[in-house]
Amino acid sequence: VQRRIVYAMSELGLNASAKFKKSARTVGDVLGKYHPHGDSACYEAMVLMAQPFSYRYPLVDGQGNWGAPDDPKSFAAMRYTESRLSKYSELLLSELGQGTADWVPNF
C-alpha cells in the first residue's frame, strides 16, 4: 500500500514544494483508485511513512499530530492532519517516467 500512497500523492501533485493537503483527501484517492481495502490500514501506512522515527528516510512530509516516539499510535485522525511528499519520495518517483519497468495490469 505504501507504493500506492506515494503514487497517488504524486498524481495529486503533492510534491515537496506543494501546499499541504488534508490526509483524508489522499487516503480517499488511494482507496478509490488503487487500494479498496479500508481507510484505517491505508492511513496507518501513511502515518508510518510520515514519522521520522519510524523510517530512516520519511517518504511523507506531514503537518499536524503524527504521533510521538514513545507512543507511535498516538497520531490524530486523518481529518486533522495534512501531508505532501518528501524529497526522498521525489527521488523514488524521478525514474518512474523513464520506462525502467513495463506497466502491466496487476488484477
Protein backbone atom coordinates (compact mmCIF):
# COMPACT_ATOMS: atom_id res chain seq x y z
CA VAL A 1 0.00 0.00 0.00
CA GLN A 2 2.98 2.34 0.52
CA ARG A 3 3.77 2.45 -3.19
CA ARG A 4 0.14 3.18 -3.98
CA ILE A 5 0.07 6.05 -1.49
CA VAL A 6 3.25 7.60 -2.90
CA TYR A 7 1.98 7.21 -6.47
CA ALA A 8 -1.45 8.67 -5.63
CA MET A 9 0.17 11.65 -3.92
CA SER A 10 2.33 12.27 -6.97
CA GLU A 11 -0.76 12.10 -9.20
CA LEU A 12 -2.46 14.66 -6.92
CA GLY A 13 0.51 16.98 -7.39
CA LEU A 14 1.58 16.85 -3.75
CA ASN A 15 5.31 17.21 -4.37
CA ALA A 16 7.69 18.54 -1.72
CA SER A 17 7.21 22.16 -2.77
CA ALA A 18 3.39 22.00 -2.96
CA LYS A 19 0.99 23.16 -0.29
CA PHE A 20 -0.11 20.62 2.28
CA LYS A 21 -3.41 18.86 1.58
CA LYS A 22 -5.72 17.06 4.01
CA SER A 23 -4.68 13.46 4.58
CA ALA A 24 -8.28 12.33 4.21
CA ARG A 25 -8.18 13.53 0.59
CA THR A 26 -5.09 11.44 -0.13
CA VAL A 27 -6.50 8.35 1.62
CA GLY A 28 -9.78 8.72 -0.28
CA ASP A 29 -7.93 8.91 -3.57
CA VAL A 30 -5.87 5.80 -2.75
CA LEU A 31 -8.98 3.87 -1.72
CA GLY A 32 -10.98 4.96 -4.74
CA LYS A 33 -8.36 4.29 -7.38
CA TYR A 34 -5.75 1.83 -6.15
CA HIS A 35 -6.44 0.02 -2.86
CA PRO A 36 -10.12 -0.57 -1.91
CA HIS A 37 -9.49 -2.36 1.39
CA GLY A 38 -10.11 0.06 4.26
CA ASP A 39 -9.20 3.57 5.24
CA SER A 40 -7.61 2.80 8.61
CA ALA A 41 -4.96 0.47 7.14
CA CYS A 42 -4.18 2.97 4.41
CA TYR A 43 -3.92 5.90 6.82
CA GLU A 44 -1.74 3.95 9.27
CA ALA A 45 0.66 3.11 6.45
CA MET A 46 0.80 6.80 5.55
CA VAL A 47 1.42 7.71 9.20
CA LEU A 48 4.39 5.34 9.35
CA MET A 49 5.83 6.95 6.23
CA ALA A 50 5.49 10.40 7.86
CA GLN A 51 7.03 9.54 11.23
CA PRO A 52 10.75 10.43 11.23
CA PHE A 53 11.36 7.87 14.00
CA SER A 54 9.77 5.00 12.00
CA TYR A 55 11.56 5.33 8.67
CA ARG A 56 15.17 6.33 8.21
CA TYR A 57 14.09 8.47 5.26
CA PRO A 58 10.45 9.59 5.69
CA LEU A 59 8.54 9.42 2.42
CA VAL A 60 5.70 11.72 3.53
CA ASP A 61 6.08 15.23 4.91
CA GLY A 62 3.34 15.66 7.50
CA GLN A 63 1.80 18.61 9.28
CA GLY A 64 -0.16 18.04 12.47
CA ASN A 65 -0.04 15.32 15.12
CA TRP A 66 1.64 12.27 13.55
CA GLY A 67 2.47 10.50 16.82
CA ALA A 68 5.42 10.51 19.20
CA PRO A 69 8.42 8.17 19.57
CA ASP A 70 7.20 6.93 22.96
CA ASP A 71 3.67 6.28 21.58
CA PRO A 72 3.68 5.92 17.77
CA LYS A 73 -0.05 5.08 17.71
CA SER A 74 -0.99 8.45 19.25
CA PHE A 75 -1.48 10.13 15.87
CA ALA A 76 -4.51 12.31 15.14
CA ALA A 77 -7.37 11.30 12.85
CA MET A 78 -6.81 11.85 9.14
CA ARG A 79 -9.23 14.78 9.06
CA TYR A 80 -6.87 16.73 11.36
CA THR A 81 -3.57 16.08 9.56
CA GLU A 82 -2.14 17.34 6.29
CA SER A 83 0.55 15.83 4.09
CA ARG A 84 2.67 16.08 0.97
CA LEU A 85 5.54 14.07 -0.47
CA SER A 86 9.04 14.43 0.92
CA LYS A 87 12.17 14.99 -1.15
CA TYR A 88 13.03 11.30 -0.70
CA SER A 89 9.77 10.31 -2.41
CA GLU A 90 10.54 12.61 -5.30
CA LEU A 91 13.85 10.77 -5.74
CA LEU A 92 11.96 7.47 -5.91
CA LEU A 93 9.46 8.86 -8.40
CA SER A 94 12.03 10.57 -10.63
CA GLU A 95 12.77 7.34 -12.52
CA LEU A 96 9.12 6.40 -12.95
CA GLY A 97 8.68 8.18 -16.28
CA GLN A 98 11.91 6.80 -17.76
CA GLY A 99 10.42 3.41 -18.59
CA THR A 100 12.56 1.42 -16.16
CA ALA A 101 9.75 -1.11 -15.77
CA ASP A 102 6.89 -2.01 -18.06
CA TRP A 103 3.40 -1.22 -16.78
CA VAL A 104 1.18 -4.28 -16.71
CA PRO A 105 -2.25 -4.84 -15.16
CA ASN A 106 -1.97 -6.45 -11.73
CA PHE A 107 -5.54 -7.66 -11.38
